[in-house]
C-alpha atoms as a PDB file:
ATOM      1  CA  MET A   1     -43.908 -20.307  60.970  1.00  0.00           C
ATOM      2  CA  ARG A   2     -40.491 -21.325  62.346  1.00  0.00           C
ATOM      3  CA  THR A   3     -37.819 -18.664  61.825  1.00  0.00           C
ATOM      4  CA  VAL A   4     -34.057 -19.072  62.276  1.00  0.00           C
ATOM      5  CA  ALA A   5     -31.567 -16.199  62.083  1.00  0.00           C
ATOM      6  CA  LEU A   6     -27.815 -16.467  61.405  1.00  0.00           C
ATOM      7  CA  VAL A   7     -25.571 -13.602  62.573  1.00  0.00           C
ATOM      8  CA  GLU A   8     -21.830 -12.948  62.765  1.00  0.00           C
ATOM      9  CA  SER A   9     -21.586  -9.453  64.266  1.00  0.00           C
ATOM     10  CA  PRO A  10     -23.152  -7.354  67.045  1.00  0.00           C
ATOM     11  CA  ALA A  11     -24.803  -5.008  64.523  1.00  0.00           C
ATOM     12  CA  GLN A  12     -26.366  -7.936  62.673  1.00  0.00           C
ATOM     13  CA  LEU A  13     -27.809  -9.274  65.932  1.00  0.00           C
ATOM     14  CA  LEU A  14     -29.184  -5.822  66.805  1.00  0.00           C
ATOM     15  CA  ASN A  15     -30.905  -5.652  63.442  1.00  0.00           C
ATOM     16  CA  VAL A  16     -32.361  -9.141  63.877  1.00  0.00           C
ATOM     17  CA  ILE A  17     -33.883  -7.886  67.149  1.00  0.00           C
ATOM     18  CA  GLU A  18     -35.228  -4.821  65.303  1.00  0.00           C
ATOM     19  CA  TRP A  19     -36.694  -7.014  62.540  1.00  0.00           C
ATOM     20  CA  ALA A  20     -38.265  -9.356  65.111  1.00  0.00           C
ATOM     21  CA  HIS A  21     -39.813  -6.319  66.833  1.00  0.00           C
ATOM     22  CA  HIS A  22     -41.116  -5.078  63.471  1.00  0.00           C
ATOM     23  CA  ALA A  23     -42.471  -8.495  62.440  1.00  0.00           C
ATOM     24  CA  ALA A  24     -43.818  -9.324  65.921  1.00  0.00           C
ATOM     25  CA  THR A  25     -42.057 -12.692  65.900  1.00  0.00           C
ATOM     26  CA  ARG A  26     -39.386 -14.470  67.937  1.00  0.00           C
ATOM     27  CA  PRO A  27     -36.769 -16.218  65.790  1.00  0.00           C
ATOM     28  CA  ASP A  28     -34.182 -18.699  67.002  1.00  0.00           C
ATOM     29  CA  VAL A  29     -30.831 -16.916  66.649  1.00  0.00           C
ATOM     30  CA  LEU A  30     -27.650 -18.839  65.831  1.00  0.00           C
ATOM     31  CA  ILE A  31     -24.431 -16.862  66.314  1.00  0.00           C
ATOM     32  CA  LEU A  32     -21.549 -17.832  64.000  1.00  0.00           C
ATOM     33  CA  ALA A  33     -18.793 -16.501  66.223  1.00  0.00           C
ATOM     34  CA  PRO A  34     -15.978 -14.420  64.643  1.00  0.00           C
ATOM     35  CA  LYS A  35     -12.312 -14.576  65.688  1.00  0.00           C
ATOM     36  CA  ASN A  36     -12.005 -10.932  66.772  1.00  0.00           C
ATOM     37  CA  GLU A  37     -12.132 -10.856  70.578  1.00  0.00           C
ATOM     38  CA  THR A  38     -13.869  -7.480  70.807  1.00  0.00           C
ATOM     39  CA  SER A  39     -16.555  -8.661  68.402  1.00  0.00           C
ATOM     40  CA  ARG A  40     -17.051 -11.824  70.473  1.00  0.00           C
ATOM     41  CA  TRP A  41     -17.355  -9.766  73.655  1.00  0.00           C
ATOM     42  CA  GLN A  42     -19.927  -7.433  72.071  1.00  0.00           C
ATOM     43  CA  LEU A  43     -21.849 -10.411  70.661  1.00  0.00           C
ATOM     44  CA  ARG A  44     -22.126 -11.929  74.128  1.00  0.00           C
ATOM     45  CA  CYS A  45     -23.498  -8.615  75.420  1.00  0.00           C
ATOM     46  CA  MET A  46     -25.967  -8.417  72.530  1.00  0.00           C
ATOM     47  CA  ALA A  47     -26.978 -12.051  73.106  1.00  0.00           C
ATOM     48  CA  ARG A  48     -28.052 -11.059  76.608  1.00  0.00           C
ATOM     49  CA  LEU A  49     -30.260  -8.280  75.175  1.00  0.00           C
ATOM     50  CA  ALA A  50     -31.674 -10.663  72.566  1.00  0.00           C
ATOM     51  CA  ARG A  51     -32.677 -13.149  75.257  1.00  0.00           C
ATOM     52  CA  GLU A  52     -34.265 -10.338  77.284  1.00  0.00           C
ATOM     53  CA  ALA A  53     -36.260  -9.482  74.140  1.00  0.00           C
ATOM     54  CA  GLY A  54     -37.596 -13.049  74.088  1.00  0.00           C
ATOM     55  CA  LEU A  55     -35.309 -14.581  71.438  1.00  0.00           C
ATOM     56  CA  SER A  56     -33.490 -17.882  71.921  1.00  0.00           C
ATOM     57  CA  VAL A  57     -29.760 -17.679  71.145  1.00  0.00           C
ATOM     58  CA  GLY A  58     -27.239 -20.402  70.266  1.00  0.00           C
ATOM     59  CA  TRP A  59     -23.467 -20.119  69.723  1.00  0.00           C
ATOM     60  CA  HIS A  60     -21.378 -21.837  67.005  1.00  0.00           C
ATOM     61  CA  GLU A  61     -17.633 -21.715  66.255  1.00  0.00           C
ATOM     62  CA  PRO A  62     -17.139 -21.934  62.455  1.00  0.00           C
ATOM     63  CA  ARG A  63     -13.637 -20.417  62.497  1.00  0.00           C
ATOM     64  CA  LEU A  64     -11.710 -22.701  64.850  1.00  0.00           C
ATOM     65  CA  GLY A  65      -9.491 -24.635  62.455  1.00  0.00           C
ATOM     66  CA  GLY A  66      -9.617 -25.582  58.780  1.00  0.00           C
ATOM     67  CA  ALA A  67     -12.493 -28.067  59.074  1.00  0.00           C
ATOM     68  CA  ALA A  68     -14.573 -25.868  61.376  1.00  0.00           C
ATOM     69  CA  ILE A  69     -16.745 -24.380  58.612  1.00  0.00           C
ATOM     70  CA  ALA A  70     -17.779 -27.793  57.255  1.00  0.00           C
ATOM     71  CA  ARG A  71     -18.323 -29.065  60.794  1.00  0.00           C
ATOM     72  CA  THR A  72     -20.480 -26.025  61.623  1.00  0.00           C
ATOM     73  CA  VAL A  73     -22.598 -26.388  58.488  1.00  0.00           C
ATOM     74  CA  ARG A  74     -23.207 -30.055  59.340  1.00  0.00           C
ATOM     75  CA  GLY A  75     -24.010 -29.129  62.924  1.00  0.00           C
ATOM     76  CA  LEU A  76     -26.516 -26.499  61.791  1.00  0.00           C
ATOM     77  CA  ALA A  77     -28.561 -29.133  59.972  1.00  0.00           C
ATOM     78  CA  GLY A  78     -30.430 -30.086  63.127  1.00  0.00           C
ATOM     79  CA  ASP A  79     -30.990 -26.465  64.170  1.00  0.00           C
ATOM     80  CA  LEU A  80     -32.362 -25.619  60.727  1.00  0.00           C
ATOM     81  CA  ALA A  81     -34.700 -28.616  60.404  1.00  0.00           C
ATOM     82  CA  GLY A  82     -38.251 -27.476  59.798  1.00  0.00           C
ATOM     83  CA  THR A  83     -37.265 -23.862  59.173  1.00  0.00           C
ATOM     84  CA  ASP A  84     -39.832 -21.909  57.148  1.00  0.00           C
ATOM     85  CA  ARG A  85     -38.047 -18.558  57.140  1.00  0.00           C
ATOM     86  CA  LEU A  86     -34.286 -17.944  57.233  1.00  0.00           C
ATOM     87  CA  VAL A  87     -32.840 -14.587  58.324  1.00  0.00           C
ATOM     88  CA  LEU A  88     -29.284 -13.733  57.227  1.00  0.00           C
ATOM     89  CA  GLY A  89     -27.166 -11.049  58.838  1.00  0.00           C
ATOM     90  CA  ASP A  90     -24.524 -11.073  56.092  1.00  0.00           C
ATOM     91  CA  PRO A  91     -25.292 -12.107  52.487  1.00  0.00           C
ATOM     92  CA  PHE A  92     -21.519 -12.028  51.744  1.00  0.00           C
ATOM     93  CA  SER A  93     -20.707 -14.660  54.371  1.00  0.00           C
ATOM     94  CA  GLY A  94     -19.588 -17.941  52.838  1.00  0.00           C
ATOM     95  CA  VAL A  95     -21.113 -19.968  55.681  1.00  0.00           C
ATOM     96  CA  MET A  96     -24.450 -18.191  55.339  1.00  0.00           C
ATOM     97  CA  GLN A  97     -24.413 -18.590  51.550  1.00  0.00           C
ATOM     98  CA  VAL A  98     -23.856 -22.339  51.897  1.00  0.00           C
ATOM     99  CA  VAL A  99     -26.680 -22.670  54.425  1.00  0.00           C
ATOM    100  CA  ALA A 100     -29.079 -20.545  52.371  1.00  0.00           C
ATOM    101  CA  GLY A 101     -28.263 -22.525  49.253  1.00  0.00           C
ATOM    102  CA  VAL A 102     -29.195 -25.869  50.778  1.00  0.00           C
ATOM    103  CA  THR A 103     -32.012 -24.883  53.167  1.00  0.00           C
ATOM    104  CA  ARG A 104     -35.451 -25.111  51.579  1.00  0.00           C
ATOM    105  CA  THR A 105     -37.349 -22.213  53.118  1.00  0.00           C
ATOM    106  CA  SER A 106     -40.289 -20.242  51.789  1.00  0.00           C
ATOM    107  CA  GLU A 107     -38.745 -16.874  52.707  1.00  0.00           C
ATOM    108  CA  LEU A 108     -35.244 -15.464  53.053  1.00  0.00           C
ATOM    109  CA  VAL A 109     -34.828 -12.217  55.019  1.00  0.00           C
ATOM    110  CA  ILE A 110     -31.631 -10.176  54.794  1.00  0.00           C
ATOM    111  CA  VAL A 111     -31.179  -7.708  57.642  1.00  0.00           C
ATOM    112  CA  ASP A 112     -28.784  -4.784  57.518  1.00  0.00           C
ATOM    113  CA  ASP A 113     -25.092  -5.531  57.740  1.00  0.00           C
ATOM    114  CA  GLY A 114     -24.326  -1.841  57.574  1.00  0.00           C
ATOM    115  CA  THR A 115     -23.243  -0.153  54.369  1.00  0.00           C
ATOM    116  CA  ALA A 116     -22.495  -3.579  52.875  1.00  0.00           C
ATOM    117  CA  THR A 117     -26.233  -3.652  52.174  1.00  0.00           C
ATOM    118  CA  LEU A 118     -25.694  -0.911  49.574  1.00  0.00           C
ATOM    119  CA  GLU A 119     -23.130  -3.079  47.813  1.00  0.00           C
ATOM    120  CA  PHE A 120     -25.348  -6.151  48.036  1.00  0.00           C
ATOM    121  CA  ALA A 121     -28.173  -4.245  46.311  1.00  0.00           C
ATOM    122  CA  ARG A 122     -25.803  -2.983  43.581  1.00  0.00           C
ATOM    123  CA  GLN A 123     -24.208  -6.368  42.924  1.00  0.00           C
ATOM    124  CA  TRP A 124     -27.553  -8.150  42.999  1.00  0.00           C
ATOM    125  CA  ALA A 125     -28.963  -5.756  40.391  1.00  0.00           C
ATOM    126  CA  SER A 126     -25.895  -6.009  38.132  1.00  0.00           C
ATOM    127  CA  GLY A 127     -25.656  -9.809  38.310  1.00  0.00           C
ATOM    128  CA  GLU A 128     -22.134  -9.713  39.766  1.00  0.00           C
ATOM    129  CA  HIS A 129     -20.663 -12.317  42.104  1.00  0.00           C
ATOM    130  CA  LEU A 130     -21.377 -11.368  45.724  1.00  0.00           C
ATOM    131  CA  ARG A 131     -18.098 -10.078  47.176  1.00  0.00           C
ATOM    132  CA  ARG A 132     -17.307  -7.574  49.906  1.00  0.00           C
ATOM    133  CA  TRP A 133     -16.337  -4.166  48.550  1.00  0.00           C
ATOM    134  CA  HIS A 134     -12.882  -4.190  50.215  1.00  0.00           C
ATOM    135  CA  GLN A 135     -12.169  -7.914  49.823  1.00  0.00           C
ATOM    136  CA  VAL A 136      -8.619  -8.713  48.787  1.00  0.00           C
ATOM    137  CA  ALA A 137      -7.696 -12.273  47.815  1.00  0.00           C
ATOM    138  CA  THR A 138      -4.621 -12.787  50.013  1.00  0.00           C
ATOM    139  CA  GLU A 139      -2.504 -15.911  49.825  1.00  0.00           C
ATOM    140  CA  GLU A 140      -4.005 -17.136  53.104  1.00  0.00           C
ATOM    141  CA  HIS A 141      -7.500 -16.570  51.717  1.00  0.00           C
ATOM    142  CA  ARG A 142      -6.620 -18.510  48.550  1.00  0.00           C
ATOM    143  CA  ARG A 143      -5.418 -21.425  50.644  1.00  0.00           C
ATOM    144  CA  GLN A 144      -8.677 -21.535  52.568  1.00  0.00           C
ATOM    145  CA  ILE A 145     -11.042 -21.324  49.635  1.00  0.00           C
ATOM    146  CA  SER A 146     -10.473 -20.508  45.972  1.00  0.00           C
ATOM    147  CA  THR A 147     -12.080 -17.474  44.399  1.00  0.00           C
ATOM    148  CA  PHE A 148     -13.797 -19.805  41.934  1.00  0.00           C
ATOM    149  CA  ALA A 149     -15.284 -21.908  44.726  1.00  0.00           C
ATOM    150  CA  ARG A 150     -16.469 -18.797  46.582  1.00  0.00           C
ATOM    151  CA  ASP A 151     -18.135 -17.495  43.415  1.00  0.00           C
ATOM    152  CA  GLN A 152     -19.859 -20.848  42.934  1.00  0.00           C
ATOM    153  CA  ILE A 153     -21.222 -20.690  46.473  1.00  0.00           C
ATOM    154  CA  ALA A 154     -22.432 -17.122  45.993  1.00  0.00           C
ATOM    155  CA  ASP A 155     -24.102 -18.039  42.708  1.00  0.00           C
ATOM    156  CA  SER A 156     -25.996 -20.856  44.405  1.00  0.00           C
ATOM    157  CA  LEU A 157     -27.628 -18.245  46.643  1.00  0.00           C
ATOM    158  CA  ARG A 158     -28.623 -16.218  43.598  1.00  0.00           C
ATOM    159  CA  ARG A 159     -30.152 -19.295  41.952  1.00  0.00           C
ATOM    160  CA  ARG A 160     -31.970 -20.098  45.177  1.00  0.00           C
ATOM    161  CA  LEU A 161     -33.735 -16.708  45.005  1.00  0.00           C
ATOM    162  CA  GLN A 162     -34.552 -16.519  41.319  1.00  0.00           C
ATOM    163  CA  PRO A 163     -38.153 -15.615  40.437  1.00  0.00           C
ATOM    164  CA  GLY A 164     -40.183 -18.794  40.353  1.00  0.00           C
ATOM    165  CA  SER A 165     -37.974 -20.559  42.897  1.00  0.00           C
ATOM    166  CA  GLY A 166     -40.723 -20.475  45.492  1.00  0.00           C
ATOM    167  CA  CYS A 167     -38.548 -18.551  47.960  1.00  0.00           C
ATOM    168  CA  ARG A 168     -39.459 -14.925  48.697  1.00  0.00           C
ATOM    169  CA  LEU A 169     -36.716 -12.385  49.378  1.00  0.00           C
ATOM    170  CA  THR A 170     -37.184  -9.634  51.964  1.00  0.00           C
ATOM    171  CA  VAL A 171     -34.612  -6.950  52.828  1.00  0.00           C
ATOM    172  CA  PHE A 172     -34.884  -5.135  56.166  1.00  0.00           C
ATOM    173  CA  SER A 173     -32.767  -1.988  56.087  1.00  0.00           C
ATOM    174  CA  CYS A 174     -32.521   1.642  57.144  1.00  0.00           C
ATOM    175  CA  LEU A 175     -30.437   2.351  54.029  1.00  0.00           C
ATOM    176  CA  PRO A 176     -31.933   3.629  50.758  1.00  0.00           C
ATOM    177  CA  VAL A 177     -31.897   0.370  48.788  1.00  0.00           C
ATOM    178  CA  GLU A 178     -34.021  -1.227  46.116  1.00  0.00           C
ATOM    179  CA  VAL A 179     -33.582  -4.912  45.344  1.00  0.00           C
ATOM    180  CA  ALA A 180     -35.206  -6.466  42.287  1.00  0.00           C
ATOM    181  CA  HIS A 181     -37.949  -9.022  43.032  1.00  0.00           C
ATOM    182  CA  ALA A 182     -37.647  -8.314  46.773  1.00  0.00           C
ATOM    183  CA  ARG A 183     -39.796  -6.682  49.401  1.00  0.00           C
ATOM    184  CA  VAL A 184     -37.878  -3.920  51.203  1.00  0.00           C
ATOM    185  CA  LEU A 185     -38.920  -3.050  54.759  1.00  0.00           C
ATOM    186  CA  ARG A 186     -37.591   0.070  56.487  1.00  0.00           C
ATOM    187  CA  ASN A 187     -35.699  -0.296  59.751  1.00  0.00           C
ATOM    188  CA  THR A 188     -36.664   2.662  61.975  1.00  0.00           C
ATOM    189  CA  TYR A 189     -34.780   1.383  65.045  1.00  0.00           C
ATOM    190  CA  ALA A 190     -38.094   1.430  66.901  1.00  0.00           C
ATOM    191  CA  TRP A 191     -36.913  -1.180  69.420  1.00  0.00           C
ATOM    192  CA  VAL A 192     -33.762   0.747  70.397  1.00  0.00           C
ATOM    193  CA  ARG A 193     -35.632   4.038  70.731  1.00  0.00           C
ATOM    194  CA  ALA A 194     -38.331   2.369  72.827  1.00  0.00           C
ATOM    195  CA  GLN A 195     -35.761   0.751  75.132  1.00  0.00           C
ATOM    196  CA  HIS A 196     -33.679   3.872  75.773  1.00  0.00           C
ATOM    197  CA  PRO A 197     -34.924   7.384  76.567  1.00  0.00           C
ATOM    198  CA  ARG A 198     -33.694  10.415  74.652  1.00  0.00           C
ATOM    199  CA  PRO A 199     -30.029  11.051  75.598  1.00  0.00           C
ATOM    200  CA  ARG A 200     -28.775  14.314  77.018  1.00  0.00           C
ATOM    201  CA  VAL A 201     -26.806  16.497  74.551  1.00  0.00           C
ATOM    202  CA  LYS A 202     -23.390  17.551  75.906  1.00  0.00           C
ATOM    203  CA  SER A 203     -21.402  20.620  74.878  1.00  0.00           C
ATOM    204  CA  ALA A 204     -18.387  18.747  73.462  1.00  0.00           C
ATOM    205  CA  ALA A 205     -18.420  16.795  70.199  1.00  0.00           C
ATOM    206  CA  ASP A 206     -18.006  13.061  69.546  1.00  0.00           C
ATOM    207  CA  LEU A 207     -15.934  11.447  66.798  1.00  0.00           C
ATOM    208  CA  ILE A 208     -16.790   7.971  65.515  1.00  0.00           C
ATOM    209  CA  GLY A 209     -13.922   5.739  64.503  1.00  0.00           C
ATOM    210  CA  THR A 210     -13.655   3.371  61.580  1.00  0.00           C
ATOM    211  CA  SER A 211     -11.701   0.238  60.664  1.00  0.00           C
ATOM    212  CA  LEU A 212     -10.619   1.565  57.243  1.00  0.00           C
ATOM    213  CA  VAL A 213      -6.985   1.368  58.352  1.00  0.00           C
ATOM    214  CA  GLU A 214      -7.372  -2.228  59.525  1.00  0.00           C
ATOM    215  CA  THR A 215      -8.988  -3.284  56.235  1.00  0.00           C
ATOM    216  CA  GLY A 216      -6.031  -1.807  54.328  1.00  0.00           C
ATOM    217  CA  VAL A 217      -7.958   1.006  52.655  1.00  0.00           C
ATOM    218  CA  VAL A 218      -6.546   4.097  54.413  1.00  0.00           C
ATOM    219  CA  SER A 219      -3.026   4.899  55.631  1.00  0.00           C
ATOM    220  CA  GLU A 220      -2.744   4.945  59.437  1.00  0.00           C
ATOM    221  CA  ASP A 221      -0.641   8.124  59.538  1.00  0.00           C
ATOM    222  CA  GLU A 222      -3.125  10.003  57.359  1.00  0.00           C
ATOM    223  CA  TYR A 223      -6.033   8.701  59.423  1.00  0.00           C
ATOM    224  CA  VAL A 224      -4.541   9.752  62.779  1.00  0.00           C
ATOM    225  CA  ALA A 225      -3.702  13.189  61.335  1.00  0.00           C
ATOM    226  CA  ALA A 226      -7.318  13.532  60.167  1.00  0.00           C
ATOM    227  CA  VAL A 227      -8.598  12.576  63.627  1.00  0.00           C
ATOM    228  CA  ALA A 228      -6.365  15.242  65.205  1.00  0.00           C
ATOM    229  CA  ALA A 229      -7.594  17.916  62.785  1.00  0.00           C
ATOM    230  CA  LEU A 230     -11.268  17.025  63.264  1.00  0.00           C
ATOM    231  CA  ALA A 231     -10.885  16.975  67.051  1.00  0.00           C
ATOM    232  CA  ALA A 232      -9.364  20.455  67.068  1.00  0.00           C
ATOM    233  CA  GLN A 233     -11.903  21.850  64.603  1.00  0.00           C
ATOM    234  CA  HIS A 234     -15.054  20.579  66.350  1.00  0.00           C
ATOM    235  CA  GLY A 235     -14.043  20.390  70.003  1.00  0.00           C
ATOM    236  CA  VAL A 236     -14.115  16.599  70.219  1.00  0.00           C
ATOM    237  CA  ASP A 237     -13.540  15.015  73.630  1.00  0.00           C
ATOM    238  CA  ARG A 238     -14.619  11.408  72.962  1.00  0.00           C
ATOM    239  CA  TYR A 239     -13.638   8.920  70.270  1.00  0.00           C
ATOM    240  CA  PHE A 240     -15.961   5.957  69.756  1.00  0.00           C
ATOM    241  CA  ALA A 241     -13.674   3.115  68.664  1.00  0.00           C
ATOM    242  CA  HIS A 242     -14.736   0.561  66.081  1.00  0.00           C
ATOM    243  CA  ARG A 243     -14.597  -3.005  67.395  1.00  0.00           C
ATOM    244  CA  LYS A 244     -11.930  -3.937  64.813  1.00  0.00           C
ATOM    245  CA  GLU A 245      -9.549  -1.014  65.414  1.00  0.00           C
ATOM    246  CA  ALA A 246      -6.001  -1.968  66.426  1.00  0.00           C
ATOM    247  CA  ARG A 247      -4.847  -1.174  69.954  1.00  0.00           C
ATOM    248  CA  ASP A 248      -1.649   0.544  68.792  1.00  0.00           C
ATOM    249  CA  LYS A 249      -3.659   2.905  66.583  1.00  0.00           C
ATOM    250  CA  LEU A 250      -6.082   3.655  69.420  1.00  0.00           C
ATOM    251  CA  ALA A 251      -3.116   4.420  71.698  1.00  0.00           C
ATOM    252  CA  ARG A 252      -1.920   7.017  69.177  1.00  0.00           C
ATOM    253  CA  ILE A 253      -5.388   8.586  69.128  1.00  0.00           C
ATOM    254  CA  ALA A 254      -5.553   8.621  72.939  1.00  0.00           C
ATOM    255  CA  ARG A 255      -2.267  10.579  73.003  1.00  0.00           C
ATOM    256  CA  LEU A 256      -4.108  13.328  71.116  1.00  0.00           C
ATOM    257  CA  GLY A 257      -6.063  13.937  74.310  1.00  0.00           C
ATOM    258  CA  LEU A 258      -9.242  12.090  73.318  1.00  0.00           C
ATOM    259  CA  ARG A 259     -11.050   9.677  75.601  1.00  0.00           C
ATOM    260  CA  ILE A 260     -11.379   6.302  73.873  1.00  0.00           C
ATOM    261  CA  ALA A 261     -14.791   4.704  74.315  1.00  0.00           C
ATOM    262  CA  MET A 262     -15.179   1.032  73.366  1.00  0.00           C
ATOM    263  CA  PRO A 263     -18.906   0.327  73.791  1.00  0.00           C
ATOM    264  CA  GLU A 264     -19.969  -3.159  74.791  1.00  0.00           C
ATOM    265  CA  LEU A 265     -22.999  -2.777  72.507  1.00  0.00           C
ATOM    266  CA  PRO A 266     -23.406  -1.467  68.935  1.00  0.00           C
ATOM    267  CA  LEU A 267     -23.140   2.319  68.710  1.00  0.00           C
ATOM    268  CA  GLU A 268     -26.816   2.647  67.839  1.00  0.00           C
ATOM    269  CA  VAL A 269     -27.588   1.381  71.351  1.00  0.00           C
ATOM    270  CA  ALA A 270     -24.619   2.843  73.248  1.00  0.00           C
ATOM    271  CA  ILE A 271     -25.079   6.376  71.962  1.00  0.00           C
ATOM    272  CA  ARG A 272     -28.541   6.587  73.535  1.00  0.00           C
ATOM    273  CA  GLU A 273     -27.119   5.745  76.947  1.00  0.00           C
ATOM    274  CA  GLY A 274     -25.945   8.803  78.883  1.00  0.00           C
ATOM    275  CA  ALA A 275     -24.944  11.843  76.834  1.00  0.00           C
ATOM    276  CA  VAL A 276     -24.288  12.426  73.147  1.00  0.00           C
ATOM    277  CA  GLY A 277     -22.186  15.162  71.544  1.00  0.00           C
ATOM    278  CA  ARG A 278     -23.807  18.367  70.288  1.00  0.00           C
ATOM    279  CA  VAL A 279     -21.951  17.437  67.091  1.00  0.00           C
ATOM    280  CA  VAL A 280     -21.190  13.850  66.056  1.00  0.00           C
ATOM    281  CA  VAL A 281     -18.532  13.529  63.337  1.00  0.00           C
ATOM    282  CA  SER A 282     -18.125  10.318  61.363  1.00  0.00           C
ATOM    283  CA  PHE A 283     -16.121   9.037  58.439  1.00  0.00           C
ATOM    284  CA  PRO A 284     -18.168   7.313  55.701  1.00  0.00           C
ATOM    285  CA  SER A 285     -19.637   4.270  57.425  1.00  0.00           C
ATOM    286  CA  THR A 286     -22.882   2.654  58.453  1.00  0.00           C
ATOM    287  CA  VAL A 287     -23.557   5.212  61.188  1.00  0.00           C
ATOM    288  CA  VAL A 288     -24.080   8.100  58.748  1.00  0.00           C
ATOM    289  CA  HIS A 289     -27.282   6.234  57.848  1.00  0.00           C
ATOM    290  CA  THR A 290     -28.266   4.748  61.209  1.00  0.00           C
ATOM    291  CA  LEU A 291     -27.577   7.614  63.627  1.00  0.00           C
ATOM    292  CA  PRO A 292     -29.811  10.172  61.881  1.00  0.00           C
ATOM    293  CA  VAL A 293     -32.636   7.713  62.601  1.00  0.00           C
ATOM    294  CA  VAL A 294     -31.510   6.729  66.098  1.00  0.00           C
ATOM    295  CA  LEU A 295     -30.916  10.363  67.179  1.00  0.00           C
ATOM    296  CA  SER A 296     -33.857  11.903  65.331  1.00  0.00           C
ATOM    297  CA  ASP A 297     -35.437  13.016  68.621  1.00  0.00           C
ATOM    298  CA  THR A 298     -32.334  14.973  69.758  1.00  0.00           C
ATOM    299  CA  SER A 299     -30.676  18.252  68.721  1.00  0.00           C
ATOM    300  CA  SER A 300     -27.366  16.509  68.001  1.00  0.00           C
ATOM    301  CA  GLU A 301     -25.944  17.319  64.540  1.00  0.00           C
ATOM    302  CA  LEU A 302     -24.267  14.588  62.507  1.00  0.00           C
ATOM    303  CA  LEU A 303     -21.459  15.500  60.105  1.00  0.00           C
ATOM    304  CA  VAL A 304     -19.646  13.244  57.647  1.00  0.00           C
ATOM    305  CA  CYS A 305     -15.953  13.663  56.840  1.00  0.00           C
ATOM    306  CA  GLU A 306     -15.157  12.543  53.310  1.00  0.00           C
ATOM    307  CA  ILE A 307     -12.042  10.482  52.630  1.00  0.00           C
ATOM    308  CA  ASP A 308      -9.407  12.572  50.905  1.00  0.00           C
ATOM    309  CA  PRO A 309      -7.778  10.689  47.977  1.00  0.00           C
ATOM    310  CA  SER A 310      -4.338  11.247  49.560  1.00  0.00           C
ATOM    311  CA  TRP A 311      -5.349   9.102  52.553  1.00  0.00           C
ATOM    312  CA  TYR A 312      -5.674   5.877  50.580  1.00  0.00           C
ATOM    313  CA  ALA A 313      -3.043   3.229  51.213  1.00  0.00           C
ATOM    314  CA  PRO A 314      -0.804   2.212  48.264  1.00  0.00           C
ATOM    315  CA  GLY A 315      -2.499  -0.363  46.060  1.00  0.00           C
ATOM    316  CA  THR A 316      -6.002   0.362  47.325  1.00  0.00           C
ATOM    317  CA  ASP A 317      -8.625  -0.864  44.869  1.00  0.00           C
ATOM    318  CA  PRO A 318     -10.297   2.086  43.042  1.00  0.00           C
ATOM    319  CA  ASN A 319     -13.587   0.440  43.963  1.00  0.00           C
ATOM    320  CA  SER A 320     -13.027   1.653  47.539  1.00  0.00           C
ATOM    321  CA  HIS A 321     -13.192   5.303  46.463  1.00  0.00           C
ATOM    322  CA  ARG A 322     -16.399   4.652  44.530  1.00  0.00           C
ATOM    323  CA  PHE A 323     -18.047   2.786  47.370  1.00  0.00           C
ATOM    324  CA  LEU A 324     -17.149   5.247  50.149  1.00  0.00           C
ATOM    325  CA  GLY A 325     -18.288   8.133  47.948  1.00  0.00           C
ATOM    326  CA  ALA A 326     -21.608   6.368  47.415  1.00  0.00           C
ATOM    327  CA  VAL A 327     -22.033   5.960  51.185  1.00  0.00           C
ATOM    328  CA  THR A 328     -21.536   9.699  51.702  1.00  0.00           C
ATOM    329  CA  ASP A 329     -23.692  10.788  48.762  1.00  0.00           C
ATOM    330  CA  SER A 330     -26.601   8.553  49.757  1.00  0.00           C
ATOM    331  CA  ALA A 331     -26.483   9.856  53.353  1.00  0.00           C
ATOM    332  CA  ARG A 332     -26.554  13.436  52.076  1.00  0.00           C
ATOM    333  CA  GLU A 333     -29.519  12.667  49.837  1.00  0.00           C
ATOM    334  CA  GLN A 334     -31.514  10.664  52.387  1.00  0.00           C
ATOM    335  CA  HIS A 335     -30.767  12.597  55.583  1.00  0.00           C
ATOM    336  CA  GLY A 336     -29.463  15.966  54.409  1.00  0.00           C
ATOM    337  CA  LEU A 337     -26.144  15.492  56.190  1.00  0.00           C
ATOM    338  CA  ALA A 338     -23.539  18.213  55.922  1.00  0.00           C
ATOM    339  CA  SER A 339     -19.892  17.451  55.219  1.00  0.00           C
ATOM    340  CA  THR A 340     -16.818  18.591  57.093  1.00  0.00           C
ATOM    341  CA  ALA A 341     -13.240  18.805  55.868  1.00  0.00           C
ATOM    342  CA  CYS A 342     -10.013  18.560  57.835  1.00  0.00           C
END
């Protein structure tokens, strides 16, 4: 069975490697490169690990100019010929939706794209159009592709996977999800834990950053103040930066006395290299679900800091509060995580 995987982020590529390890198969991986330079750098580092794991990796540039997406989709036709099983790293990606809608495969596998998997499961069950939870239709976005056209593309994916279509749907995730008419396989991060020995636990705490400011959900001033309070409360000496965090914001955090760490690999890999904090504090994000699994063989304690309503930026969609609350609640229920306030 020929398997092809499409990914756009380092975490998606990591989870394709984990799925391949679980399924004992070696897919051909096609990277749809993002614009963000840090993401591109981390993807190149992950591509090296993927090749070492026995996967073949190709690189495409769908975001270089207005016609790049159409050119990439046409270029993928040859790579996808004869594909029996298609693996998607992001079911909300327009490029991936187009490819999935026109590729006649017998199985479609969706691997974790972080907490977005929770929203995919909810929207799939409710019959909604597939849209990212924080997506805002800016003028630039409207010029690139209309909301109507995007919805039509997303709906073609849903039709492609309807019962009786002949295409099976599998979801590979460490998150607590149920998807109608789909087989759900649990991601235990077995490959990562096999590759890296148990990390040493250090006396100071770690704080994990988020891109909520960059996505326009949280005010930067409120976020930096929260980081300062959490650092003082828990004895934090290291701040793991998200790949999309702005340099100016990170400079403000560094002035608080924290060492900024920008891992070249996804945190689930990087945190098992060297030492990990006796306490790891995170805002609501993917890691409150992945790290309890990845660090299950250590004494490190993971805490989640809830987003205070006063932190939200003006005009933030109320859906953001609902979604981030669901991330926290599901982590508490699944992993028994404790909360911390600041």
